[in-house]
Amino acid sequence: MHKKKRLSAGIPLLDMLKSSTAALLLCLASGVWSAVAAADAAQEAAPAARAPAKPIDPALAFPPKMQVFALYGDDPIPNSKSTSDEESGAEQGFIRNVSRPQIHVYLPARMRATGASIVILPGGGYAGLTFDFEGTQQAQFFLDHGIAAFVVKYRIPSDETMLDKSIGPLQDAQQAMRFVRQRAAEWHLDPARVGVIGFSAGGHLASTLATHFSKAYVPNPDGIDLRPDFVVLVYPVISMQSDITHAGSREALLGTAPSDEQVRRFSSELQVSERTPPTLLLHATDDQLVDVSNSLRYYEALRHAGVPVEMRLFEKGQHGFFLMPRTRWQSTIIEWLTSTGWLHSRPDAASLK
């Protein structure tokens, strides 16, 4: 009786084993076919994955060659006397006796272009232009960040070459603004994102441009806006007041005995209005050539006028920032331009004017 029970109990067990074996074989077969199908699909896709990437068009990847233009084109240079060209010093990086102003155009690679542009005004105490360090080298820096750069070889104030030497540099700075905005569409630039940067005496010129834009000192028949959209001033001369001015710059621009009206007119801290453009100031507190008080007074004037302003003071750096790595102060400029939105299109640009 017990043997029959074990036999009758073994029959369904055998059936179960057969069913399990069949199911296992079916799963294995299914897995094999799935693996084969996946391998076939991968093999078909492999040639596409291994296809070489399309090379980048050099016309998009590299910036075009720098171009040099006569600042006023074929038009006569305003406020000038007929004299011979006595310019010198370009090989040494410090240009003297400029009477034929030019503008050097550096356009970024189209792949990196932001649409923003900046007019560069080198310093030199209004006695010359530190054209290499504060011009050409800075242009290359801005190119690396997709910003078009326009280095201005502006006229050096001179009674021998100008009818009124005090306004000669300002005329050239205004003409540079006209030049950039006239060609903005051609070079894919945003005419509402054209700034200016000035170094030392070039900082004085940039701040003068930023506070005297309502009056055109150059012919402007098409009414092009002469106001820069943003301003960067690097160890700038700001004031012509005797207590803080750089004496050499003041004498070169205004002469040995300027009137009170001239001093006030060209002291930028006294010319600030609510329409003065947003400004970044950089200065070293140990500057022995241009007193940091120039930047401090301009900062206060801008702040009280409600103009957006930021200032970075470095404890040590001297005039020219030669005692610090260049990246330390240059990175501040890019951070400011980025945080304030000048490297991107600005739909609210019209409201900022």
Protein backbone atom coordinates (compact mmCIF):
# COMPACT_ATOMS: atom_id res chain seq x y z
CA MET A 1 0.00 0.00 0.00
CA HIS A 2 2.82 2.36 0.78
CA LYS A 3 4.54 1.67 -2.56
CA LYS A 4 1.41 2.56 -4.47
CA LYS A 5 1.12 5.83 -2.65
CA ARG A 6 4.71 6.75 -3.48
CA LEU A 7 4.16 5.83 -7.14
CA SER A 8 0.94 7.75 -7.43
CA ALA A 9 2.61 10.72 -5.73
CA GLY A 10 5.58 10.51 -8.10
CA ILE A 11 3.54 10.85 -11.27
CA PRO A 12 2.59 14.53 -10.77
CA LEU A 13 6.14 15.26 -9.57
CA LEU A 14 7.52 13.96 -12.86
CA ASP A 15 5.09 16.08 -14.79
CA MET A 16 6.19 19.10 -12.85
CA LEU A 17 9.83 18.40 -13.59
CA LYS A 18 9.09 18.08 -17.29
CA SER A 19 7.18 21.34 -17.31
CA SER A 20 10.00 23.14 -15.45
CA THR A 21 12.60 21.78 -17.84
CA ALA A 22 10.58 22.91 -20.83
CA ALA A 23 10.15 26.39 -19.35
CA LEU A 24 13.85 26.62 -18.61
CA LEU A 25 14.75 25.62 -22.16
CA LEU A 26 12.29 28.17 -23.51
CA CYS A 27 13.84 30.94 -21.40
CA LEU A 28 17.32 29.97 -22.46
CA ALA A 29 16.30 29.96 -26.11
CA SER A 30 14.63 33.33 -25.72
CA GLY A 31 17.76 34.75 -24.07
CA VAL A 32 19.99 33.45 -26.85
CA TRP A 33 17.81 34.98 -29.53
CA SER A 34 17.69 38.31 -27.66
CA ALA A 35 21.46 38.32 -27.35
CA VAL A 36 21.87 37.53 -31.04
CA ALA A 37 19.41 40.28 -31.97
CA ALA A 38 21.20 42.79 -29.73
CA ALA A 39 24.57 41.85 -31.21
CA ASP A 40 23.20 42.28 -34.74
CA ALA A 41 21.76 45.70 -33.84
CA ALA A 42 25.04 46.81 -32.24
CA GLN A 43 26.95 45.65 -35.30
CA GLU A 44 24.66 47.63 -37.56
CA ALA A 45 25.00 50.74 -35.38
CA ALA A 46 28.77 50.48 -34.94
CA PRO A 47 29.77 52.01 -38.29
CA ALA A 48 27.68 55.10 -37.55
CA ALA A 49 29.22 55.51 -34.09
CA ARG A 50 32.72 55.19 -35.52
CA ALA A 51 32.06 57.77 -38.25
CA PRO A 52 34.53 60.69 -37.90
CA ALA A 53 33.12 64.00 -36.60
CA LYS A 54 32.64 66.76 -39.14
CA PRO A 55 35.64 69.13 -38.96
CA ILE A 56 35.03 72.63 -37.61
CA ASP A 57 34.99 75.35 -40.23
CA PRO A 58 38.13 77.47 -39.66
CA ALA A 59 36.14 80.54 -40.67
CA LEU A 60 34.04 80.01 -37.53
CA ALA A 61 36.78 78.81 -35.19
CA PHE A 62 39.46 81.46 -35.70
CA PRO A 63 39.17 85.23 -35.36
CA PRO A 64 39.63 87.25 -38.55
CA LYS A 65 42.82 89.19 -39.08
CA MET A 66 43.13 92.48 -37.24
CA GLN A 67 42.20 95.50 -39.37
CA VAL A 68 43.39 99.09 -39.11
CA PHE A 69 41.24 102.01 -40.19
CA ALA A 70 41.78 105.74 -40.30
CA LEU A 71 39.47 106.86 -37.50
CA TYR A 72 37.74 109.52 -39.61
CA GLY A 73 38.02 107.65 -42.90
CA ASP A 74 38.42 110.01 -45.83
CA ASP A 75 36.87 112.92 -43.91
CA PRO A 76 39.04 115.69 -42.53
CA ILE A 77 40.24 115.30 -38.95
CA PRO A 78 38.33 117.86 -36.89
CA ASN A 79 40.11 120.45 -34.76
CA SER A 80 43.45 119.81 -36.48
CA LYS A 81 46.14 121.94 -38.03
CA SER A 82 47.98 121.08 -41.19
CA THR A 83 51.28 119.62 -39.98
CA SER A 84 53.67 116.85 -40.87
CA ASP A 85 53.28 113.42 -39.27
CA GLU A 86 55.79 113.20 -36.41
CA GLU A 87 54.51 109.97 -34.85
CA SER A 88 57.14 107.69 -33.33
CA GLY A 89 57.72 104.90 -30.82
CA ALA A 90 55.44 102.14 -32.11
CA GLU A 91 58.31 99.63 -32.06
CA GLN A 92 58.85 100.25 -28.34
CA GLY A 93 55.14 99.97 -27.48
CA PHE A 94 54.83 103.63 -26.41
CA ILE A 95 53.62 105.87 -29.24
CA ARG A 96 54.29 109.61 -29.19
CA ASN A 97 53.09 112.58 -31.25
CA VAL A 98 49.95 110.96 -32.64
CA SER A 99 48.20 113.38 -35.01
CA ARG A 100 46.59 110.88 -37.43
CA PRO A 101 44.19 108.86 -35.28
CA GLN A 102 43.45 105.24 -36.11
CA ILE A 103 41.27 102.43 -34.80
CA HIS A 104 42.51 98.84 -34.66
CA VAL A 105 39.70 96.30 -35.02
CA TYR A 106 39.83 92.88 -33.35
CA LEU A 107 36.79 90.71 -34.05
CA PRO A 108 36.28 87.41 -32.18
CA ALA A 109 35.82 84.02 -33.78
CA ARG A 110 32.17 83.63 -34.73
CA MET A 111 31.90 80.47 -32.60
CA ARG A 112 32.78 82.47 -29.49
CA ALA A 113 31.28 85.86 -30.30
CA THR A 114 28.97 87.29 -27.61
CA GLY A 115 27.85 90.31 -29.63
CA ALA A 116 29.40 92.65 -27.05
CA SER A 117 32.20 95.05 -27.94
CA ILE A 118 34.57 97.36 -26.11
CA VAL A 119 36.51 100.46 -27.11
CA ILE A 120 40.01 100.45 -25.57
CA LEU A 121 41.73 103.72 -24.63
CA PRO A 122 45.38 103.17 -23.61
CA GLY A 123 47.03 105.46 -21.09
CA GLY A 124 50.26 107.40 -21.23
CA GLY A 125 49.70 110.62 -19.32
CA TYR A 126 48.42 112.38 -22.47
CA ALA A 127 52.09 112.47 -23.50
CA GLY A 128 51.94 109.23 -25.46
CA LEU A 129 50.11 105.90 -25.65
CA THR A 130 51.09 102.67 -23.88
CA PHE A 131 49.72 101.01 -26.96
CA ASP A 132 51.12 97.51 -26.58
CA PHE A 133 50.38 96.67 -22.94
CA GLU A 134 47.20 98.72 -22.50
CA GLY A 135 45.97 98.32 -26.06
CA THR A 136 46.98 95.35 -28.17
CA GLN A 137 47.46 92.91 -25.29
CA GLN A 138 44.11 93.83 -23.75
CA ALA A 139 42.37 93.39 -27.09
CA GLN A 140 43.63 89.80 -27.26
CA PHE A 141 42.29 89.18 -23.76
CA PHE A 142 38.80 90.35 -24.74
CA LEU A 143 38.92 88.28 -27.94
CA ASP A 144 39.47 85.17 -25.83
CA HIS A 145 36.13 85.92 -24.15
CA GLY A 146 34.20 86.55 -27.36
CA ILE A 147 34.21 90.35 -27.07
CA ALA A 148 35.06 92.51 -30.08
CA ALA A 149 37.80 95.00 -29.21
CA PHE A 150 38.58 98.36 -30.81
CA VAL A 151 41.90 99.91 -29.80
CA VAL A 152 41.96 103.65 -30.41
CA LYS A 153 45.21 105.37 -31.33
CA TYR A 154 43.88 108.76 -30.30
CA ARG A 155 45.61 112.09 -30.82
CA ILE A 156 48.03 113.33 -28.21
CA PRO A 157 47.07 116.86 -27.04
CA SER A 158 49.28 119.39 -28.78
CA ASP A 159 49.01 123.09 -29.56
CA GLU A 160 51.07 122.42 -32.67
CA THR A 161 48.61 119.96 -34.19
CA MET A 162 45.26 121.09 -32.72
CA LEU A 163 43.21 124.25 -32.52
CA ASP A 164 41.99 123.25 -29.03
CA LYS A 165 44.08 120.46 -27.56
CA SER A 166 41.78 119.96 -24.56
CA ILE A 167 39.02 118.38 -26.68
CA GLY A 168 41.14 116.48 -29.22
CA PRO A 169 41.22 113.13 -27.35
CA LEU A 170 37.50 113.39 -26.50
CA GLN A 171 36.69 113.94 -30.17
CA ASP A 172 38.56 110.78 -31.11
CA ALA A 173 36.83 108.78 -28.35
CA GLN A 174 33.42 109.96 -29.57
CA GLN A 175 34.35 109.13 -33.15
CA ALA A 176 35.33 105.62 -32.02
CA MET A 177 31.82 105.14 -30.59
CA ARG A 178 30.36 106.30 -33.91
CA PHE A 179 32.68 103.96 -35.82
CA VAL A 180 31.64 100.87 -33.85
CA ARG A 181 27.91 101.54 -33.93
CA GLN A 182 27.95 102.44 -37.62
CA ARG A 183 29.37 99.01 -38.42
CA ALA A 184 27.60 96.97 -35.77
CA ALA A 185 25.28 95.19 -38.20
CA GLU A 186 28.13 94.37 -40.60
CA TRP A 187 30.17 92.75 -37.82
CA HIS A 188 27.22 91.13 -35.99
CA LEU A 189 27.60 93.36 -32.92
CA ASP A 190 24.89 94.56 -30.60
CA PRO A 191 24.84 98.39 -30.77
CA ALA A 192 23.30 98.40 -27.28
CA ARG A 193 26.30 96.58 -25.77
CA VAL A 194 29.22 98.83 -26.70
CA GLY A 195 31.42 99.68 -23.72
CA VAL A 196 34.68 101.48 -23.11
CA ILE A 197 37.73 100.67 -21.01
CA GLY A 198 40.43 103.18 -20.17
CA PHE A 199 43.77 102.88 -18.40
CA SER A 200 45.41 105.69 -16.42
CA ALA A 201 45.05 108.87 -18.54
CA GLY A 202 43.01 106.72 -20.91
CA GLY A 203 40.76 106.20 -17.89
CA HIS A 204 40.32 109.95 -17.70
CA LEU A 205 39.40 109.99 -21.36
CA ALA A 206 36.95 107.10 -20.86
CA SER A 207 35.30 108.85 -17.91
CA THR A 208 35.14 112.08 -19.94
CA LEU A 209 33.41 110.16 -22.74
CA ALA A 210 31.02 108.72 -20.14
CA THR A 211 30.08 112.16 -18.79
CA HIS A 212 30.11 114.31 -21.97
CA PHE A 213 28.11 112.19 -24.40
CA SER A 214 25.15 114.57 -24.65
CA LYS A 215 27.19 117.04 -26.72
CA ALA A 216 28.82 115.89 -29.95
CA TYR A 217 32.34 117.23 -30.39
CA VAL A 218 32.56 115.58 -33.81
CA PRO A 219 30.27 115.80 -36.83
CA ASN A 220 27.39 113.41 -36.15
CA PRO A 221 24.81 113.96 -38.92
CA ASP A 222 23.18 110.55 -38.43
CA GLY A 223 22.67 111.16 -34.71
CA ILE A 224 24.50 108.03 -33.56
CA ASP A 225 24.43 107.52 -29.80
CA LEU A 226 27.79 108.59 -28.34
CA ARG A 227 27.11 107.19 -24.86
CA PRO A 228 28.99 104.00 -23.95
CA ASP A 229 26.74 101.33 -22.49
CA PHE A 230 29.21 100.34 -19.77
CA VAL A 231 32.55 101.66 -18.52
CA VAL A 232 35.64 99.98 -17.04
CA LEU A 233 38.27 102.27 -15.51
CA VAL A 234 41.65 100.80 -14.58
CA TYR A 235 43.89 102.88 -12.24
CA PRO A 236 42.27 105.96 -13.81
CA VAL A 237 43.02 109.63 -13.65
CA ILE A 238 39.60 111.12 -12.89
CA SER A 239 40.05 114.62 -11.56
CA MET A 240 41.83 117.74 -12.77
CA GLN A 241 41.63 119.23 -9.28
CA SER A 242 45.11 119.95 -8.00
CA ASP A 243 44.83 118.01 -4.73
CA ILE A 244 44.49 114.57 -6.35
CA THR A 245 45.12 114.95 -10.08
CA HIS A 246 48.04 113.50 -11.97
CA ALA A 247 49.95 116.72 -12.66
CA GLY A 248 51.52 115.52 -15.90
CA SER A 249 48.18 114.52 -17.41
CA ARG A 250 46.55 117.80 -16.37
CA GLU A 251 49.32 119.92 -17.86
CA ALA A 252 49.41 117.93 -21.09
CA LEU A 253 45.65 118.28 -21.57
CA LEU A 254 44.88 121.74 -20.15
CA GLY A 255 48.21 123.55 -20.10
CA THR A 256 50.13 125.10 -17.23
CA ALA A 257 47.43 127.55 -16.13
CA PRO A 258 43.93 126.15 -16.81
CA SER A 259 40.90 128.18 -15.86
CA ASP A 260 38.58 127.11 -13.07
CA GLU A 261 35.97 126.34 -15.71
CA GLN A 262 38.35 124.02 -17.56
CA VAL A 263 39.34 122.24 -14.35
CA ARG A 264 35.70 121.66 -13.45
CA ARG A 265 34.72 120.65 -16.97
CA PHE A 266 37.38 117.95 -17.14
CA SER A 267 37.03 116.69 -13.56
CA SER A 268 34.81 113.71 -14.24
CA GLU A 269 33.67 113.32 -10.64
CA LEU A 270 31.98 116.72 -11.01
CA GLN A 271 30.22 115.81 -14.27
CA VAL A 272 28.36 112.66 -13.18
CA SER A 273 24.61 112.45 -13.77
CA GLU A 274 22.00 109.74 -13.41
CA ARG A 275 22.64 108.85 -17.08
CA THR A 276 26.33 108.15 -16.58
CA PRO A 277 26.82 104.51 -17.64
CA PRO A 278 27.29 101.62 -15.18
CA THR A 279 30.93 101.53 -14.14
CA LEU A 280 33.61 99.19 -12.78
CA LEU A 281 36.63 100.77 -11.07
CA LEU A 282 39.95 98.99 -10.43
CA HIS A 283 42.79 100.61 -8.49
CA ALA A 284 45.69 99.73 -6.17
CA THR A 285 45.84 101.57 -2.87
CA ASP A 286 49.63 101.77 -3.10
CA ASP A 287 49.53 103.54 -6.49
CA GLN A 288 52.28 106.17 -6.28
CA LEU A 289 51.55 107.77 -9.66
CA VAL A 290 47.76 108.23 -9.72
CA ASP A 291 46.23 108.68 -6.27
CA VAL A 292 43.54 106.10 -5.48
CA SER A 293 41.42 109.07 -4.35
CA ASN A 294 40.59 109.55 -8.04
CA SER A 295 38.66 106.28 -8.06
CA LEU A 296 37.20 106.86 -4.59
CA ARG A 297 35.74 110.24 -5.53
CA TYR A 298 34.31 108.95 -8.78
CA TYR A 299 32.77 105.99 -6.96
CA GLU A 300 31.09 108.32 -4.48
CA ALA A 301 29.81 110.59 -7.24
CA LEU A 302 28.31 107.65 -9.12
CA ARG A 303 26.80 106.16 -5.97
CA HIS A 304 25.09 109.42 -5.00
CA ALA A 305 23.75 109.79 -8.56
CA GLY A 306 22.20 106.31 -8.39
CA VAL A 307 24.46 104.91 -11.11
CA PRO A 308 25.30 101.18 -10.80
CA VAL A 309 28.95 101.05 -9.77
CA GLU A 310 31.37 98.48 -8.41
CA MET A 311 34.93 99.06 -7.24
CA ARG A 312 37.75 96.64 -6.55
CA LEU A 313 40.73 97.97 -4.58
CA PHE A 314 43.93 95.96 -4.35
CA GLU A 315 46.21 96.49 -1.40
CA LYS A 316 49.35 96.17 -3.51
CA GLY A 317 49.82 96.48 -7.24
CA GLN A 318 51.27 99.92 -7.94
CA HIS A 319 50.40 101.85 -11.08
CA GLY A 320 50.06 99.47 -14.02
CA PHE A 321 49.30 96.52 -11.70
CA PHE A 322 52.79 95.23 -12.39
CA LEU A 323 53.05 93.67 -8.90
CA MET A 324 50.21 91.20 -9.39
CA PRO A 325 49.37 88.46 -11.89
CA ARG A 326 47.44 89.85 -14.79
CA THR A 327 44.71 87.24 -14.39
CA ARG A 328 43.88 88.59 -10.93
CA TRP A 329 42.54 91.91 -12.15
CA GLN A 330 41.46 90.86 -15.63
CA SER A 331 39.23 88.13 -14.22
CA THR A 332 37.43 90.80 -12.19
CA ILE A 333 36.44 92.53 -15.43
CA ILE A 334 34.95 89.37 -16.94
CA GLU A 335 33.15 88.53 -13.69
CA TRP A 336 31.59 92.00 -13.66
CA LEU A 337 30.60 91.92 -17.34
CA THR A 338 29.06 88.49 -16.82
CA SER A 339 27.21 89.26 -13.59
CA THR A 340 25.79 92.50 -14.99
CA GLY A 341 24.61 90.79 -18.16
CA TRP A 342 26.68 92.65 -20.75
CA LEU A 343 27.86 89.43 -22.37
CA HIS A 344 24.28 88.47 -23.23
CA SER A 345 21.59 90.21 -25.26
CA ARG A 346 19.65 92.68 -23.14
CA PRO A 347 15.96 93.12 -24.02
CA ASP A 348 15.82 95.96 -21.48
CA ALA A 349 18.68 97.89 -23.10
CA ALA A 350 16.48 100.76 -24.22
CA SER A 351 15.33 101.36 -20.63
CA LEU A 352 18.95 101.66 -19.48
CA LYS A 353 19.70 104.66 -21.68
